Amino acid sequence: MFIHSRAVLNHLVQNVKKISRFVNVCVQIFFLIFYVFEIITNYGNHVRFVAYIVLLTLSMVAFIVGFGGKSKKKIKKVIRFCKYPINLSLIVLTLISIFNNEVSDLKIILTGITVLSFIANIATEYIRWFVEMYVKMFKTSIDLDWQIAQEKFHIKDGRLSLFDIPQMLANKIQAPEPTEPTAEQQRIIELSRDFRQGVEERNRAKQAELKQKRKERRDQNWQIIRQKLFGNKRKKKAPNALPPAEDDTTTDNK
C-alpha cells in the first residue's frame, strides 16, 4: 500500500545519498592534495613525514572501504566515520605548524579550502543522517496507520468483502490482543500523542467558533423573519400622531 508515497521517499533518500557521495569524493580529493603537499614540504622532518604518510594511508583505507567495500553495513558505517578524526588530525597538525610560523601563502590557501571542505562534509553527513532517520520513521508511521485501519475496518489489500464481515463483528465484540510496539514505533506513538492532543484542541476551538457563528446567524434569520411578518402590522396598529398643541399663552399687543 501507499506505493507512490514510498517511491517518493525512496527517491528522496537516493538523491541525498548521491549528493553525500559526491561531496565525500570532492572532499577526499582536497585532502589527498593536502596530504601530498604536507608530505613533500615535510620531507626533512622525519616525524611529521611519517605521521602524514600514516594519516594518508588510514584516510584512503577508510574512504575506500566505507564507500566502495563489500563489508557489512554497520562495519562500513563505522569505517566511513573513522576518516573524520583522521582528517581532523591533519588539520590540527597543520594549524600547529602555522602557529609556529611555518607558513606560506599556498599552505594557507590549501588549509582554508581543506577546513571548509571538512565542514561541508560534516554538514552533508548530518543532513543525510537526518533525512534517512525521518524517512524511516515516516515509513513506520505509514505502517502503523495502515495497521490501525486494518484492525478497525478489517481491510485486506484495500478490499472489503462479505467474508470479512464476521471478522469485523468479532473484533467489535472482542478486540484482538495488541502487539508490543518496537522502540521506533513507541517513539512515533509518543510524537503522535502530543500532535493528536493539539489537533483535538484546535478542532474543539473551531467547533465552538462554528457553533457561535451558527447561533448568531440563526438569530439574525429569526430577526429578519419577525420583521417581515410582524413589522407592517405593528406600523398599522400604531396610533396616528397627534397634531402639535396650540400655544395658549396670550401676547400683549398694546
Protein backbone atom coordinates (compact mmCIF):
# COMPACT_ATOMS: atom_id res chain seq x y z
CA MET A 1 0.00 0.00 0.00
CA PHE A 2 0.97 3.66 -0.40
CA ILE A 3 3.27 2.75 -3.29
CA HIS A 4 3.52 6.32 -4.59
CA SER A 5 4.41 7.76 -1.18
CA ARG A 6 7.06 5.12 -0.59
CA ALA A 7 8.50 5.65 -4.06
CA VAL A 8 8.88 9.39 -3.42
CA LEU A 9 10.55 8.74 -0.06
CA ASN A 10 12.98 6.24 -1.58
CA HIS A 11 13.78 8.70 -4.37
CA LEU A 12 14.48 11.40 -1.77
CA VAL A 13 16.87 9.14 0.17
CA GLN A 14 18.67 8.04 -3.00
CA ASN A 15 19.20 11.65 -4.12
CA VAL A 16 20.54 12.62 -0.69
CA LYS A 17 22.93 9.66 -0.80
CA LYS A 18 24.15 10.69 -4.26
CA ILE A 19 24.82 14.24 -3.07
CA SER A 20 26.60 12.90 0.01
CA ARG A 21 28.80 10.61 -2.09
CA PHE A 22 29.68 13.44 -4.48
CA VAL A 23 30.63 15.74 -1.61
CA ASN A 24 32.69 12.98 0.03
CA VAL A 25 34.62 12.30 -3.17
CA CYS A 26 35.37 16.02 -3.68
CA VAL A 27 36.45 16.42 -0.05
CA GLN A 28 38.67 13.34 -0.21
CA ILE A 29 40.36 14.75 -3.33
CA PHE A 30 41.06 18.02 -1.47
CA PHE A 31 42.51 16.09 1.46
CA LEU A 32 44.60 13.91 -0.85
CA ILE A 33 46.15 17.02 -2.41
CA PHE A 34 46.75 18.48 1.05
CA TYR A 35 48.31 15.23 2.33
CA VAL A 36 50.69 15.11 -0.65
CA PHE A 37 51.58 18.77 -0.12
CA GLU A 38 52.38 18.22 3.57
CA ILE A 39 54.39 15.07 2.83
CA ILE A 40 56.50 16.91 0.25
CA THR A 41 57.05 20.01 2.39
CA ASN A 42 57.94 17.95 5.49
CA TYR A 43 60.33 15.58 3.77
CA GLY A 44 63.20 16.66 6.03
CA ASN A 45 61.16 16.30 9.23
CA HIS A 46 61.02 12.54 9.77
CA VAL A 47 58.34 12.60 12.48
CA ARG A 48 55.86 14.67 10.50
CA PHE A 49 56.79 12.91 7.27
CA VAL A 50 55.91 9.50 8.74
CA ALA A 51 52.83 10.91 10.53
CA TYR A 52 51.41 12.37 7.30
CA ILE A 53 52.05 9.13 5.40
CA VAL A 54 50.24 7.12 8.10
CA LEU A 55 47.31 9.55 8.15
CA LEU A 56 47.07 9.48 4.36
CA THR A 57 47.04 5.67 4.34
CA LEU A 58 44.37 5.44 7.04
CA SER A 59 42.24 8.12 5.39
CA MET A 60 42.32 6.39 1.99
CA VAL A 61 41.57 2.98 3.51
CA ALA A 62 38.60 4.39 5.45
CA PHE A 63 37.33 6.15 2.31
CA ILE A 64 37.66 3.11 0.03
CA VAL A 65 36.23 0.58 2.46
CA GLY A 66 33.49 2.92 3.71
CA PHE A 67 32.13 3.76 0.26
CA GLY A 68 33.24 1.01 -2.07
CA GLY A 69 33.94 -2.01 0.10
CA LYS A 70 31.91 -5.19 0.46
CA SER A 71 31.77 -5.23 4.25
CA LYS A 72 28.59 -5.29 6.29
CA LYS A 73 26.55 -2.12 6.50
CA LYS A 74 27.37 -1.37 10.16
CA ILE A 75 31.08 -2.06 9.65
CA LYS A 76 31.15 0.18 6.58
CA LYS A 77 29.46 2.96 8.50
CA VAL A 78 31.97 2.73 11.36
CA ILE A 79 34.93 2.70 8.96
CA ARG A 80 33.46 5.57 6.94
CA PHE A 81 33.19 7.76 10.03
CA CYS A 82 36.73 6.87 11.12
CA LYS A 83 38.13 9.09 8.37
CA TYR A 84 36.76 12.21 10.08
CA PRO A 85 39.05 12.08 13.16
CA ILE A 86 41.90 11.08 10.83
CA ASN A 87 41.38 14.10 8.58
CA LEU A 88 40.83 16.29 11.61
CA SER A 89 44.25 15.21 12.86
CA LEU A 90 45.78 16.53 9.64
CA ILE A 91 44.07 19.88 10.14
CA VAL A 92 45.25 20.10 13.76
CA LEU A 93 48.86 19.32 12.81
CA THR A 94 48.74 21.90 10.03
CA LEU A 95 47.33 24.58 12.32
CA ILE A 96 50.06 23.84 14.88
CA SER A 97 52.71 24.33 12.21
CA ILE A 98 51.05 27.60 11.12
CA PHE A 99 51.06 28.89 14.70
CA ASN A 100 54.76 28.04 14.85
CA ASN A 101 55.33 30.47 11.93
CA GLU A 102 55.88 27.63 9.46
CA VAL A 103 53.56 29.23 6.95
CA SER A 104 53.38 30.04 3.26
CA ASP A 105 50.68 31.53 1.06
CA LEU A 106 50.00 28.22 -0.66
CA LYS A 107 49.74 26.43 2.68
CA ILE A 108 47.23 28.99 3.99
CA ILE A 109 45.10 28.63 0.86
CA LEU A 110 45.15 24.82 1.00
CA THR A 111 44.40 24.86 4.72
CA GLY A 112 41.42 27.16 4.24
CA ILE A 113 39.99 25.03 1.41
CA THR A 114 40.52 21.85 3.42
CA VAL A 115 38.84 23.23 6.54
CA LEU A 116 35.82 24.46 4.54
CA SER A 117 35.53 21.14 2.72
CA PHE A 118 35.75 19.28 6.05
CA ILE A 119 32.90 21.38 7.49
CA ALA A 120 30.83 20.83 4.32
CA ASN A 121 31.43 17.10 4.60
CA ILE A 122 30.25 17.00 8.21
CA ALA A 123 27.16 19.08 7.35
CA THR A 124 26.31 16.78 4.42
CA GLU A 125 26.64 13.68 6.56
CA TYR A 126 24.37 15.20 9.20
CA ILE A 127 21.74 16.10 6.59
CA ARG A 128 21.93 12.58 5.18
CA TRP A 129 21.52 11.03 8.64
CA PHE A 130 18.65 13.41 9.43
CA VAL A 131 16.77 12.64 6.19
CA GLU A 132 17.29 8.87 6.45
CA MET A 133 16.11 8.82 10.07
CA TYR A 134 12.89 10.73 9.45
CA VAL A 135 12.13 8.91 6.19
CA LYS A 136 12.43 5.64 8.10
CA MET A 137 10.17 7.00 10.84
CA PHE A 138 7.64 8.20 8.24
CA LYS A 139 7.53 4.75 6.62
CA THR A 140 6.97 3.19 10.04
CA SER A 141 4.18 5.69 10.77
CA ILE A 142 2.50 4.76 7.46
CA ASP A 143 2.62 1.10 8.50
CA LEU A 144 1.15 1.97 11.92
CA ASP A 145 -1.70 3.97 10.41
CA TRP A 146 -2.44 1.20 7.93
CA GLN A 147 -2.35 -1.39 10.74
CA ILE A 148 -4.87 0.68 12.74
CA ALA A 149 -7.12 0.94 9.66
CA GLN A 150 -6.91 -2.83 9.13
CA GLU A 151 -7.77 -3.56 12.75
CA LYS A 152 -10.65 -1.07 12.72
CA PHE A 153 -12.23 -1.94 9.38
CA HIS A 154 -10.62 -5.34 8.74
CA ILE A 155 -9.39 -4.29 5.31
CA LYS A 156 -7.18 -6.66 3.36
CA ASP A 157 -5.14 -5.30 0.44
CA GLY A 158 -7.50 -2.34 0.14
CA ARG A 159 -10.57 -4.58 -0.45
CA LEU A 160 -13.53 -5.40 1.73
CA SER A 161 -15.72 -8.42 1.00
CA LEU A 162 -18.70 -10.13 2.61
CA PHE A 163 -16.38 -12.80 4.05
CA ASP A 164 -14.72 -10.10 6.19
CA ILE A 165 -17.95 -9.06 7.94
CA PRO A 166 -17.87 -11.88 10.60
CA GLN A 167 -14.30 -10.93 11.49
CA MET A 168 -15.33 -7.27 11.78
CA LEU A 169 -18.17 -8.21 14.14
CA ALA A 170 -15.84 -10.44 16.19
CA ASN A 171 -13.35 -7.58 16.51
CA LYS A 172 -16.14 -5.32 17.72
CA ILE A 173 -17.22 -7.86 20.37
CA GLN A 174 -13.71 -8.85 21.46
CA ALA A 175 -10.76 -6.81 20.29
CA PRO A 176 -7.60 -8.74 19.40
CA GLU A 177 -4.67 -8.61 21.80
CA PRO A 178 -2.41 -5.67 20.96
CA THR A 179 1.16 -6.41 19.92
CA GLU A 180 4.09 -4.87 21.78
CA PRO A 181 5.41 -1.88 19.76
CA THR A 182 9.08 -1.57 18.92
CA ALA A 183 11.27 1.29 20.19
CA GLU A 184 10.82 3.22 16.96
CA GLN A 185 7.06 2.65 16.95
CA GLN A 186 6.87 3.74 20.59
CA ARG A 187 8.66 6.99 19.73
CA ILE A 188 6.23 7.66 16.87
CA ILE A 189 3.27 6.91 19.15
CA GLU A 190 4.56 9.43 21.70
CA LEU A 191 5.00 12.07 18.99
CA SER A 192 1.53 11.38 17.60
CA ARG A 193 0.01 11.61 21.10
CA ASP A 194 1.10 15.22 21.53
CA PHE A 195 0.13 16.01 17.95
CA ARG A 196 -3.29 14.40 18.43
CA GLN A 197 -3.94 16.49 21.56
CA GLY A 198 -3.09 19.67 19.66
CA VAL A 199 -5.36 18.67 16.78
CA GLU A 200 -8.23 17.85 19.15
CA GLU A 201 -7.85 21.21 20.93
CA ARG A 202 -7.86 23.08 17.62
CA ASN A 203 -10.89 21.09 16.45
CA ARG A 204 -12.77 21.89 19.67
CA ALA A 205 -11.96 25.59 19.27
CA LYS A 206 -13.13 25.52 15.65
CA GLN A 207 -16.32 23.68 16.58
CA ALA A 208 -17.08 26.22 19.33
CA GLU A 209 -16.44 29.11 16.94
CA LEU A 210 -18.59 27.50 14.24
CA LYS A 211 -21.38 26.86 16.78
CA GLN A 212 -21.29 30.51 17.85
CA LYS A 213 -21.44 31.70 14.24
CA ARG A 214 -24.38 29.40 13.53
CA LYS A 215 -26.20 30.73 16.60
CA GLU A 216 -25.59 34.34 15.53
CA ARG A 217 -26.72 33.56 12.00
CA ARG A 218 -29.83 31.79 13.27
CA ASP A 219 -30.72 34.77 15.49
CA GLN A 220 -30.26 37.12 12.54
CA ASN A 221 -32.52 34.95 10.36
CA TRP A 222 -35.28 34.88 13.02
CA GLN A 223 -34.99 38.63 13.39
CA ILE A 224 -35.42 39.09 9.64
CA ILE A 225 -38.44 36.74 9.63
CA ARG A 226 -40.11 38.53 12.56
CA GLN A 227 -39.51 41.88 10.94
CA LYS A 228 -41.06 40.74 7.65
CA LEU A 229 -44.08 39.09 9.26
CA PHE A 230 -44.93 41.45 12.10
CA GLY A 231 -43.22 44.68 11.24
CA ASN A 232 -46.01 46.07 8.93
CA LYS A 233 -48.82 45.05 11.31
CA ARG A 234 -47.22 46.95 14.13
CA LYS A 235 -46.98 50.02 11.97
CA LYS A 236 -50.70 49.77 11.06
CA LYS A 237 -51.78 49.33 14.70
CA ALA A 238 -49.66 52.22 15.86
CA PRO A 239 -51.91 55.33 16.67
CA ASN A 240 -51.68 58.39 14.47
CA ALA A 241 -49.52 61.12 15.76
CA LEU A 242 -51.44 63.97 17.45
CA PRO A 243 -51.16 67.45 15.93
CA PRO A 244 -48.95 69.86 17.78
CA ALA A 245 -50.75 71.68 20.62
CA GLU A 246 -51.63 75.35 20.16
CA ASP A 247 -49.85 77.87 22.24
CA ASP A 248 -52.38 79.09 24.87
CA THR A 249 -50.29 81.98 26.01
CA THR A 250 -51.57 85.43 25.06
CA THR A 251 -49.43 88.22 23.88
CA ASP A 252 -49.97 91.87 24.74
CA ASN A 253 -50.16 93.94 21.53
CA LYS A 254 -50.68 97.14 23.27
